[in-house]
Amino acid sequence: EDAPTDSPAAGDPSGEEEEEGPSDLLST
């Protein structure tokens, strides 16, 4: 729930989400 969903991080040209910790990764 704490993962950003509405907008990319400021200044992030890739438009992806902010970095997440290992426990927050969707792939795990």
mmCIF file of all heavy atoms, coordinates in Angstrom:
data_MODEL
# 
_entry.id   MODEL 
# 
loop_
_atom_site.group_PDB 
_atom_site.id 
_atom_site.type_symbol 
_atom_site.label_atom_id 
_atom_site.label_alt_id 
_atom_site.label_comp_id 
_atom_site.label_asym_id 
_atom_site.label_entity_id 
_atom_site.label_seq_id 
_atom_site.pdbx_PDB_ins_code 
_atom_site.Cartn_x 
_atom_site.Cartn_y 
_atom_site.Cartn_z 
_atom_site.occupancy 
_atom_site.B_iso_or_equiv 
_atom_site.pdbx_formal_charge 
_atom_site.auth_seq_id 
_atom_site.auth_comp_id 
_atom_site.auth_asym_id 
_atom_site.auth_atom_id 
_atom_site.pdbx_PDB_model_num 
ATOM 1   N N   . GLU A 1 1  ? 0.810  -1.191  0.000   1.00 0.00 ? 1  GLU A N   1 
ATOM 2   C CA  . GLU A 1 1  ? 0.000  0.000   0.000   1.00 0.00 ? 1  GLU A CA  1 
ATOM 3   C C   . GLU A 1 1  ? 0.849  1.247   0.000   1.00 0.00 ? 1  GLU A C   1 
ATOM 4   O O   . GLU A 1 1  ? 0.435  2.295   -0.454  1.00 0.00 ? 1  GLU A O   1 
ATOM 5   C CB  . GLU A 1 1  ? -0.912 0.002   1.237   1.00 0.00 ? 1  GLU A CB  1 
ATOM 6   C CG  . GLU A 1 1  ? -1.856 -1.172  1.254   1.00 0.00 ? 1  GLU A CG  1 
ATOM 7   C CD  . GLU A 1 1  ? -3.269 -0.749  1.580   1.00 0.00 ? 1  GLU A CD  1 
ATOM 8   O OE1 . GLU A 1 1  ? -3.503 0.458   1.670   1.00 0.00 ? 1  GLU A OE1 1 
ATOM 9   O OE2 . GLU A 1 1  ? -4.110 -1.623  1.736   1.00 0.00 ? 1  GLU A OE2 1 
ATOM 10  N N   . ASP A 1 2  ? 2.044  1.178   0.563   1.00 0.00 ? 2  ASP A N   1 
ATOM 11  C CA  . ASP A 1 2  ? 2.903  2.342   0.637   1.00 0.00 ? 2  ASP A CA  1 
ATOM 12  C C   . ASP A 1 2  ? 3.613  2.636   -0.659  1.00 0.00 ? 2  ASP A C   1 
ATOM 13  O O   . ASP A 1 2  ? 4.288  3.637   -0.788  1.00 0.00 ? 2  ASP A O   1 
ATOM 14  C CB  . ASP A 1 2  ? 3.953  2.140   1.749   1.00 0.00 ? 2  ASP A CB  1 
ATOM 15  C CG  . ASP A 1 2  ? 3.286  2.053   3.112   1.00 0.00 ? 2  ASP A CG  1 
ATOM 16  O OD1 . ASP A 1 2  ? 2.232  2.690   3.295   1.00 0.00 ? 2  ASP A OD1 1 
ATOM 17  O OD2 . ASP A 1 2  ? 3.817  1.344   3.966   1.00 0.00 ? 2  ASP A OD2 1 
ATOM 18  N N   . ALA A 1 3  ? 3.506  1.716   -1.645  1.00 0.00 ? 3  ALA A N   1 
ATOM 19  C CA  . ALA A 1 3  ? 4.193  1.910   -2.913  1.00 0.00 ? 3  ALA A CA  1 
ATOM 20  C C   . ALA A 1 3  ? 3.535  3.033   -3.687  1.00 0.00 ? 3  ALA A C   1 
ATOM 21  O O   . ALA A 1 3  ? 2.320  3.156   -3.709  1.00 0.00 ? 3  ALA A O   1 
ATOM 22  C CB  . ALA A 1 3  ? 4.147  0.632   -3.747  1.00 0.00 ? 3  ALA A CB  1 
ATOM 23  N N   . PRO A 1 4  ? 4.318  3.914   -4.326  1.00 0.00 ? 4  PRO A N   1 
ATOM 24  C CA  . PRO A 1 4  ? 3.743  5.022   -5.084  1.00 0.00 ? 4  PRO A CA  1 
ATOM 25  C C   . PRO A 1 4  ? 2.975  4.507   -6.286  1.00 0.00 ? 4  PRO A C   1 
ATOM 26  O O   . PRO A 1 4  ? 3.428  3.640   -6.997  1.00 0.00 ? 4  PRO A O   1 
ATOM 27  C CB  . PRO A 1 4  ? 4.983  5.824   -5.533  1.00 0.00 ? 4  PRO A CB  1 
ATOM 28  C CG  . PRO A 1 4  ? 6.091  4.833   -5.511  1.00 0.00 ? 4  PRO A CG  1 
ATOM 29  C CD  . PRO A 1 4  ? 5.772  3.875   -4.389  1.00 0.00 ? 4  PRO A CD  1 
ATOM 30  N N   . THR A 1 5  ? 1.760  5.070   -6.491  1.00 0.00 ? 5  THR A N   1 
ATOM 31  C CA  . THR A 1 5  ? 0.938  4.620   -7.600  1.00 0.00 ? 5  THR A CA  1 
ATOM 32  C C   . THR A 1 5  ? 0.449  5.758   -8.483  1.00 0.00 ? 5  THR A C   1 
ATOM 33  O O   . THR A 1 5  ? -0.008 5.522   -9.589  1.00 0.00 ? 5  THR A O   1 
ATOM 34  C CB  . THR A 1 5  ? -0.300 3.859   -7.075  1.00 0.00 ? 5  THR A CB  1 
ATOM 35  O OG1 . THR A 1 5  ? -1.021 4.702   -6.185  1.00 0.00 ? 5  THR A OG1 1 
ATOM 36  C CG2 . THR A 1 5  ? 0.123  2.600   -6.341  1.00 0.00 ? 5  THR A CG2 1 
ATOM 37  N N   . ASP A 1 6  ? 0.503  6.983   -7.997  1.00 0.00 ? 6  ASP A N   1 
ATOM 38  C CA  . ASP A 1 6  ? -0.115 8.073   -8.734  1.00 0.00 ? 6  ASP A CA  1 
ATOM 39  C C   . ASP A 1 6  ? 0.818  8.804   -9.679  1.00 0.00 ? 6  ASP A C   1 
ATOM 40  O O   . ASP A 1 6  ? 0.423  9.260   -10.726 1.00 0.00 ? 6  ASP A O   1 
ATOM 41  C CB  . ASP A 1 6  ? -0.719 9.092   -7.755  1.00 0.00 ? 6  ASP A CB  1 
ATOM 42  C CG  . ASP A 1 6  ? -1.835 8.469   -6.943  1.00 0.00 ? 6  ASP A CG  1 
ATOM 43  O OD1 . ASP A 1 6  ? -2.534 7.610   -7.498  1.00 0.00 ? 6  ASP A OD1 1 
ATOM 44  O OD2 . ASP A 1 6  ? -1.991 8.830   -5.773  1.00 0.00 ? 6  ASP A OD2 1 
ATOM 45  N N   . SER A 1 7  ? 2.078  8.963   -9.285  1.00 0.00 ? 7  SER A N   1 
ATOM 46  C CA  . SER A 1 7  ? 2.974  9.745   -10.122 1.00 0.00 ? 7  SER A CA  1 
ATOM 47  C C   . SER A 1 7  ? 4.400  9.279   -9.926  1.00 0.00 ? 7  SER A C   1 
ATOM 48  O O   . SER A 1 7  ? 4.754  8.763   -8.874  1.00 0.00 ? 7  SER A O   1 
ATOM 49  C CB  . SER A 1 7  ? 2.869  11.229  -9.746  1.00 0.00 ? 7  SER A CB  1 
ATOM 50  O OG  . SER A 1 7  ? 3.233  11.431  -8.398  1.00 0.00 ? 7  SER A OG  1 
ATOM 51  N N   . PRO A 1 8  ? 5.259  9.462   -10.936 1.00 0.00 ? 8  PRO A N   1 
ATOM 52  C CA  . PRO A 1 8  ? 6.666  9.085   -10.804 1.00 0.00 ? 8  PRO A CA  1 
ATOM 53  C C   . PRO A 1 8  ? 7.390  10.015  -9.862  1.00 0.00 ? 8  PRO A C   1 
ATOM 54  O O   . PRO A 1 8  ? 6.936  11.106  -9.549  1.00 0.00 ? 8  PRO A O   1 
ATOM 55  C CB  . PRO A 1 8  ? 7.192  9.214   -12.243 1.00 0.00 ? 8  PRO A CB  1 
ATOM 56  C CG  . PRO A 1 8  ? 6.284  10.203  -12.873 1.00 0.00 ? 8  PRO A CG  1 
ATOM 57  C CD  . PRO A 1 8  ? 4.934  9.990   -12.247 1.00 0.00 ? 8  PRO A CD  1 
ATOM 58  N N   . ALA A 1 9  ? 8.562  9.576   -9.396  1.00 0.00 ? 9  ALA A N   1 
ATOM 59  C CA  . ALA A 1 9  ? 9.363  10.401  -8.505  1.00 0.00 ? 9  ALA A CA  1 
ATOM 60  C C   . ALA A 1 9  ? 9.804  11.663  -9.240  1.00 0.00 ? 9  ALA A C   1 
ATOM 61  O O   . ALA A 1 9  ? 10.051 11.654  -10.432 1.00 0.00 ? 9  ALA A O   1 
ATOM 62  C CB  . ALA A 1 9  ? 10.579 9.620   -8.017  1.00 0.00 ? 9  ALA A CB  1 
ATOM 63  N N   . ALA A 1 10 ? 9.906  12.761  -8.503  1.00 0.00 ? 10 ALA A N   1 
ATOM 64  C CA  . ALA A 1 10 ? 10.311 14.023  -9.113  1.00 0.00 ? 10 ALA A CA  1 
ATOM 65  C C   . ALA A 1 10 ? 11.696 13.895  -9.712  1.00 0.00 ? 10 ALA A C   1 
ATOM 66  O O   . ALA A 1 10 ? 12.613 13.385  -9.081  1.00 0.00 ? 10 ALA A O   1 
ATOM 67  C CB  . ALA A 1 10 ? 10.289 15.127  -8.055  1.00 0.00 ? 10 ALA A CB  1 
ATOM 68  N N   . GLY A 1 11 ? 11.832 14.373  -10.936 1.00 0.00 ? 11 GLY A N   1 
ATOM 69  C CA  . GLY A 1 11 ? 13.143 14.341  -11.566 1.00 0.00 ? 11 GLY A CA  1 
ATOM 70  C C   . GLY A 1 11 ? 13.516 13.000  -12.132 1.00 0.00 ? 11 GLY A C   1 
ATOM 71  O O   . GLY A 1 11 ? 14.634 12.819  -12.592 1.00 0.00 ? 11 GLY A O   1 
ATOM 72  N N   . ASP A 1 12 ? 12.610 12.043  -12.115 1.00 0.00 ? 12 ASP A N   1 
ATOM 73  C CA  . ASP A 1 12 ? 12.917 10.711  -12.642 1.00 0.00 ? 12 ASP A CA  1 
ATOM 74  C C   . ASP A 1 12 ? 12.538 10.671  -14.116 1.00 0.00 ? 12 ASP A C   1 
ATOM 75  O O   . ASP A 1 12 ? 11.361 10.598  -14.451 1.00 0.00 ? 12 ASP A O   1 
ATOM 76  C CB  . ASP A 1 12 ? 12.118 9.647   -11.862 1.00 0.00 ? 12 ASP A CB  1 
ATOM 77  C CG  . ASP A 1 12 ? 12.479 8.246   -12.303 1.00 0.00 ? 12 ASP A CG  1 
ATOM 78  O OD1 . ASP A 1 12 ? 13.252 8.109   -13.279 1.00 0.00 ? 12 ASP A OD1 1 
ATOM 79  O OD2 . ASP A 1 12 ? 11.992 7.300   -11.690 1.00 0.00 ? 12 ASP A OD2 1 
ATOM 80  N N   . PRO A 1 13 ? 13.480 10.724  -15.021 1.00 0.00 ? 13 PRO A N   1 
ATOM 81  C CA  . PRO A 1 13 ? 13.161 10.785  -16.449 1.00 0.00 ? 13 PRO A CA  1 
ATOM 82  C C   . PRO A 1 13 ? 12.546 9.510   -16.986 1.00 0.00 ? 13 PRO A C   1 
ATOM 83  O O   . PRO A 1 13 ? 11.945 9.500   -18.040 1.00 0.00 ? 13 PRO A O   1 
ATOM 84  C CB  . PRO A 1 13 ? 14.526 11.041  -17.108 1.00 0.00 ? 13 PRO A CB  1 
ATOM 85  C CG  . PRO A 1 13 ? 15.513 10.455  -16.148 1.00 0.00 ? 13 PRO A CG  1 
ATOM 86  C CD  . PRO A 1 13 ? 14.924 10.702  -14.787 1.00 0.00 ? 13 PRO A CD  1 
ATOM 87  N N   . SER A 1 14 ? 12.712 8.409   -16.278 1.00 0.00 ? 14 SER A N   1 
ATOM 88  C CA  . SER A 1 14 ? 12.188 7.145   -16.791 1.00 0.00 ? 14 SER A CA  1 
ATOM 89  C C   . SER A 1 14 ? 10.698 7.022   -16.584 1.00 0.00 ? 14 SER A C   1 
ATOM 90  O O   . SER A 1 14 ? 10.038 6.216   -17.213 1.00 0.00 ? 14 SER A O   1 
ATOM 91  C CB  . SER A 1 14 ? 12.892 5.965   -16.095 1.00 0.00 ? 14 SER A CB  1 
ATOM 92  O OG  . SER A 1 14 ? 12.522 5.919   -14.738 1.00 0.00 ? 14 SER A OG  1 
ATOM 93  N N   . GLY A 1 15 ? 10.147 7.831   -15.644 1.00 0.00 ? 15 GLY A N   1 
ATOM 94  C CA  . GLY A 1 15 ? 8.722  7.747   -15.370 1.00 0.00 ? 15 GLY A CA  1 
ATOM 95  C C   . GLY A 1 15 ? 8.340  6.509   -14.604 1.00 0.00 ? 15 GLY A C   1 
ATOM 96  O O   . GLY A 1 15 ? 7.181  6.152   -14.518 1.00 0.00 ? 15 GLY A O   1 
ATOM 97  N N   . GLU A 1 16 ? 9.311  5.799   -14.028 1.00 0.00 ? 16 GLU A N   1 
ATOM 98  C CA  . GLU A 1 16 ? 9.013  4.604   -13.260 1.00 0.00 ? 16 GLU A CA  1 
ATOM 99  C C   . GLU A 1 16 ? 8.789  4.970   -11.793 1.00 0.00 ? 16 GLU A C   1 
ATOM 100 O O   . GLU A 1 16 ? 8.970  6.094   -11.368 1.00 0.00 ? 16 GLU A O   1 
ATOM 101 C CB  . GLU A 1 16 ? 10.195 3.618   -13.359 1.00 0.00 ? 16 GLU A CB  1 
ATOM 102 C CG  . GLU A 1 16 ? 10.459 3.126   -14.772 1.00 0.00 ? 16 GLU A CG  1 
ATOM 103 C CD  . GLU A 1 16 ? 9.494  2.049   -15.210 1.00 0.00 ? 16 GLU A CD  1 
ATOM 104 O OE1 . GLU A 1 16 ? 8.597  1.727   -14.418 1.00 0.00 ? 16 GLU A OE1 1 
ATOM 105 O OE2 . GLU A 1 16 ? 9.619  1.554   -16.326 1.00 0.00 ? 16 GLU A OE2 1 
ATOM 106 N N   . GLU A 1 17 ? 8.453  3.968   -10.967 1.00 0.00 ? 17 GLU A N   1 
ATOM 107 C CA  . GLU A 1 17 ? 8.208  4.196   -9.558  1.00 0.00 ? 17 GLU A CA  1 
ATOM 108 C C   . GLU A 1 17 ? 9.516  4.434   -8.816  1.00 0.00 ? 17 GLU A C   1 
ATOM 109 O O   . GLU A 1 17 ? 10.589 4.154   -9.303  1.00 0.00 ? 17 GLU A O   1 
ATOM 110 C CB  . GLU A 1 17 ? 7.494  2.972   -8.943  1.00 0.00 ? 17 GLU A CB  1 
ATOM 111 C CG  . GLU A 1 17 ? 6.141  2.695   -9.544  1.00 0.00 ? 17 GLU A CG  1 
ATOM 112 C CD  . GLU A 1 17 ? 6.227  1.824   -10.770 1.00 0.00 ? 17 GLU A CD  1 
ATOM 113 O OE1 . GLU A 1 17 ? 7.310  1.687   -11.342 1.00 0.00 ? 17 GLU A OE1 1 
ATOM 114 O OE2 . GLU A 1 17 ? 5.182  1.283   -11.168 1.00 0.00 ? 17 GLU A OE2 1 
ATOM 115 N N   . GLU A 1 18 ? 9.367  4.927   -7.583  1.00 0.00 ? 18 GLU A N   1 
ATOM 116 C CA  . GLU A 1 18 ? 10.546 5.091   -6.747  1.00 0.00 ? 18 GLU A CA  1 
ATOM 117 C C   . GLU A 1 18 ? 11.091 3.727   -6.377  1.00 0.00 ? 18 GLU A C   1 
ATOM 118 O O   . GLU A 1 18 ? 10.408 2.721   -6.445  1.00 0.00 ? 18 GLU A O   1 
ATOM 119 C CB  . GLU A 1 18 ? 10.164 5.867   -5.469  1.00 0.00 ? 18 GLU A CB  1 
ATOM 120 C CG  . GLU A 1 18 ? 9.799  7.321   -5.737  1.00 0.00 ? 18 GLU A CG  1 
ATOM 121 C CD  . GLU A 1 18 ? 9.564  8.064   -4.444  1.00 0.00 ? 18 GLU A CD  1 
ATOM 122 O OE1 . GLU A 1 18 ? 10.195 7.688   -3.433  1.00 0.00 ? 18 GLU A OE1 1 
ATOM 123 O OE2 . GLU A 1 18 ? 8.763  8.996   -4.420  1.00 0.00 ? 18 GLU A OE2 1 
ATOM 124 N N   . GLU A 1 19 ? 12.372 3.739   -5.941  1.00 0.00 ? 19 GLU A N   1 
ATOM 125 C CA  . GLU A 1 19 ? 13.009 2.478   -5.589  1.00 0.00 ? 19 GLU A CA  1 
ATOM 126 C C   . GLU A 1 19 ? 12.305 1.846   -4.390  1.00 0.00 ? 19 GLU A C   1 
ATOM 127 O O   . GLU A 1 19 ? 11.854 2.525   -3.473  1.00 0.00 ? 19 GLU A O   1 
ATOM 128 C CB  . GLU A 1 19 ? 14.486 2.693   -5.267  1.00 0.00 ? 19 GLU A CB  1 
ATOM 129 C CG  . GLU A 1 19 ? 15.318 3.084   -6.463  1.00 0.00 ? 19 GLU A CG  1 
ATOM 130 C CD  . GLU A 1 19 ? 15.116 4.535   -6.875  1.00 0.00 ? 19 GLU A CD  1 
ATOM 131 O OE1 . GLU A 1 19 ? 15.157 5.386   -5.994  1.00 0.00 ? 19 GLU A OE1 1 
ATOM 132 O OE2 . GLU A 1 19 ? 14.899 4.801   -8.076  1.00 0.00 ? 19 GLU A OE2 1 
ATOM 133 N N   . GLU A 1 20 ? 12.272 0.520   -4.377  1.00 0.00 ? 20 GLU A N   1 
ATOM 134 C CA  . GLU A 1 20 ? 11.610 -0.205  -3.318  1.00 0.00 ? 20 GLU A CA  1 
ATOM 135 C C   . GLU A 1 20 ? 12.591 -1.134  -2.632  1.00 0.00 ? 20 GLU A C   1 
ATOM 136 O O   . GLU A 1 20 ? 13.580 -1.561  -3.222  1.00 0.00 ? 20 GLU A O   1 
ATOM 137 C CB  . GLU A 1 20 ? 10.447 -1.021  -3.899  1.00 0.00 ? 20 GLU A CB  1 
ATOM 138 C CG  . GLU A 1 20 ? 9.414  -0.175  -4.602  1.00 0.00 ? 20 GLU A CG  1 
ATOM 139 C CD  . GLU A 1 20 ? 8.546  -0.991  -5.534  1.00 0.00 ? 20 GLU A CD  1 
ATOM 140 O OE1 . GLU A 1 20 ? 9.118  -1.758  -6.320  1.00 0.00 ? 20 GLU A OE1 1 
ATOM 141 O OE2 . GLU A 1 20 ? 7.314  -0.854  -5.460  1.00 0.00 ? 20 GLU A OE2 1 
ATOM 142 N N   . GLY A 1 21 ? 12.273 -1.453  -1.372  1.00 0.00 ? 21 GLY A N   1 
ATOM 143 C CA  . GLY A 1 21 ? 13.082 -2.406  -0.660  1.00 0.00 ? 21 GLY A CA  1 
ATOM 144 C C   . GLY A 1 21 ? 12.760 -3.810  -1.113  1.00 0.00 ? 21 GLY A C   1 
ATOM 145 O O   . GLY A 1 21 ? 11.729 -4.053  -1.755  1.00 0.00 ? 21 GLY A O   1 
ATOM 146 N N   . PRO A 1 22 ? 13.614 -4.785  -0.784  1.00 0.00 ? 22 PRO A N   1 
ATOM 147 C CA  . PRO A 1 22 ? 13.412 -6.172  -1.221  1.00 0.00 ? 22 PRO A CA  1 
ATOM 148 C C   . PRO A 1 22 ? 12.040 -6.727  -0.852  1.00 0.00 ? 22 PRO A C   1 
ATOM 149 O O   . PRO A 1 22 ? 11.441 -7.473  -1.618  1.00 0.00 ? 22 PRO A O   1 
ATOM 150 C CB  . PRO A 1 22 ? 14.541 -6.927  -0.514  1.00 0.00 ? 22 PRO A CB  1 
ATOM 151 C CG  . PRO A 1 22 ? 15.596 -5.895  -0.288  1.00 0.00 ? 22 PRO A CG  1 
ATOM 152 C CD  . PRO A 1 22 ? 14.860 -4.615  -0.024  1.00 0.00 ? 22 PRO A CD  1 
ATOM 153 N N   . SER A 1 23 ? 11.528 -6.363  0.337   1.00 0.00 ? 23 SER A N   1 
ATOM 154 C CA  . SER A 1 23 ? 10.250 -6.912  0.775   1.00 0.00 ? 23 SER A CA  1 
ATOM 155 C C   . SER A 1 23 ? 9.073  -6.308  0.024   1.00 0.00 ? 23 SER A C   1 
ATOM 156 O O   . SER A 1 23 ? 7.962  -6.832  0.079   1.00 0.00 ? 23 SER A O   1 
ATOM 157 C CB  . SER A 1 23 ? 10.071 -6.672  2.283   1.00 0.00 ? 23 SER A CB  1 
ATOM 158 O OG  . SER A 1 23 ? 10.057 -5.280  2.563   1.00 0.00 ? 23 SER A OG  1 
ATOM 159 N N   . ASP A 1 24 ? 9.291  -5.186  -0.675  1.00 0.00 ? 24 ASP A N   1 
ATOM 160 C CA  . ASP A 1 24 ? 8.210  -4.525  -1.401  1.00 0.00 ? 24 ASP A CA  1 
ATOM 161 C C   . ASP A 1 24 ? 8.156  -4.920  -2.873  1.00 0.00 ? 24 ASP A C   1 
ATOM 162 O O   . ASP A 1 24 ? 7.275  -4.478  -3.598  1.00 0.00 ? 24 ASP A O   1 
ATOM 163 C CB  . ASP A 1 24 ? 8.367  -3.000  -1.311  1.00 0.00 ? 24 ASP A CB  1 
ATOM 164 C CG  . ASP A 1 24 ? 8.244  -2.501  0.126   1.00 0.00 ? 24 ASP A CG  1 
ATOM 165 O OD1 . ASP A 1 24 ? 7.461  -3.090  0.879   1.00 0.00 ? 24 ASP A OD1 1 
ATOM 166 O OD2 . ASP A 1 24 ? 8.938  -1.540  0.471   1.00 0.00 ? 24 ASP A OD2 1 
ATOM 167 N N   . LEU A 1 25 ? 9.112  -5.711  -3.323  1.00 0.00 ? 25 LEU A N   1 
ATOM 168 C CA  . LEU A 1 25 ? 9.172  -6.038  -4.740  1.00 0.00 ? 25 LEU A CA  1 
ATOM 169 C C   . LEU A 1 25 ? 8.021  -6.962  -5.141  1.00 0.00 ? 25 LEU A C   1 
ATOM 170 O O   . LEU A 1 25 ? 7.748  -7.960  -4.477  1.00 0.00 ? 25 LEU A O   1 
ATOM 171 C CB  . LEU A 1 25 ? 10.510 -6.706  -5.069  1.00 0.00 ? 25 LEU A CB  1 
ATOM 172 C CG  . LEU A 1 25 ? 11.766 -5.852  -4.864  1.00 0.00 ? 25 LEU A CG  1 
ATOM 173 C CD1 . LEU A 1 25 ? 13.009 -6.665  -5.180  1.00 0.00 ? 25 LEU A CD1 1 
ATOM 174 C CD2 . LEU A 1 25 ? 11.709 -4.595  -5.733  1.00 0.00 ? 25 LEU A CD2 1 
ATOM 175 N N   . LEU A 1 26 ? 7.378  -6.624  -6.228  1.00 0.00 ? 26 LEU A N   1 
ATOM 176 C CA  . LEU A 1 26 ? 6.285  -7.443  -6.734  1.00 0.00 ? 26 LEU A CA  1 
ATOM 177 C C   . LEU A 1 26 ? 6.769  -8.834  -7.134  1.00 0.00 ? 26 LEU A C   1 
ATOM 178 O O   . LEU A 1 26 ? 6.085  -9.832  -6.919  1.00 0.00 ? 26 LEU A O   1 
ATOM 179 C CB  . LEU A 1 26 ? 5.643  -6.741  -7.938  1.00 0.00 ? 26 LEU A CB  1 
ATOM 180 C CG  . LEU A 1 26 ? 4.549  -7.493  -8.686  1.00 0.00 ? 26 LEU A CG  1 
ATOM 181 C CD1 . LEU A 1 26 ? 3.367  -7.783  -7.763  1.00 0.00 ? 26 LEU A CD1 1 
ATOM 182 C CD2 . LEU A 1 26 ? 4.087  -6.681  -9.889  1.00 0.00 ? 26 LEU A CD2 1 
ATOM 183 N N   . SER A 1 27 ? 7.971  -8.888  -7.695  1.00 0.00 ? 27 SER A N   1 
ATOM 184 C CA  . SER A 1 27 ? 8.500  -10.161 -8.196  1.00 0.00 ? 27 SER A CA  1 
ATOM 185 C C   . SER A 1 27 ? 8.807  -11.169 -7.098  1.00 0.00 ? 27 SER A C   1 
ATOM 186 O O   . SER A 1 27 ? 8.953  -12.355 -7.373  1.00 0.00 ? 27 SER A O   1 
ATOM 187 C CB  . SER A 1 27 ? 9.766  -9.911  -9.029  1.00 0.00 ? 27 SER A CB  1 
ATOM 188 O OG  . SER A 1 27 ? 10.754 -9.261  -8.255  1.00 0.00 ? 27 SER A OG  1 
ATOM 189 N N   . THR A 1 28 ? 8.910  -10.713 -5.856  1.00 0.00 ? 28 THR A N   1 
ATOM 190 C CA  . THR A 1 28 ? 9.230  -11.626 -4.755  1.00 0.00 ? 28 THR A CA  1 
ATOM 191 C C   . THR A 1 28 ? 7.992  -12.051 -3.971  1.00 0.00 ? 28 THR A C   1 
ATOM 192 O O   . THR A 1 28 ? 8.104  -12.787 -2.992  1.00 0.00 ? 28 THR A O   1 
ATOM 193 C CB  . THR A 1 28 ? 10.238 -10.982 -3.786  1.00 0.00 ? 28 THR A CB  1 
ATOM 194 O OG1 . THR A 1 28 ? 9.661  -9.786  -3.225  1.00 0.00 ? 28 THR A OG1 1 
ATOM 195 C CG2 . THR A 1 28 ? 11.532 -10.635 -4.496  1.00 0.00 ? 28 THR A CG2 1 
# 
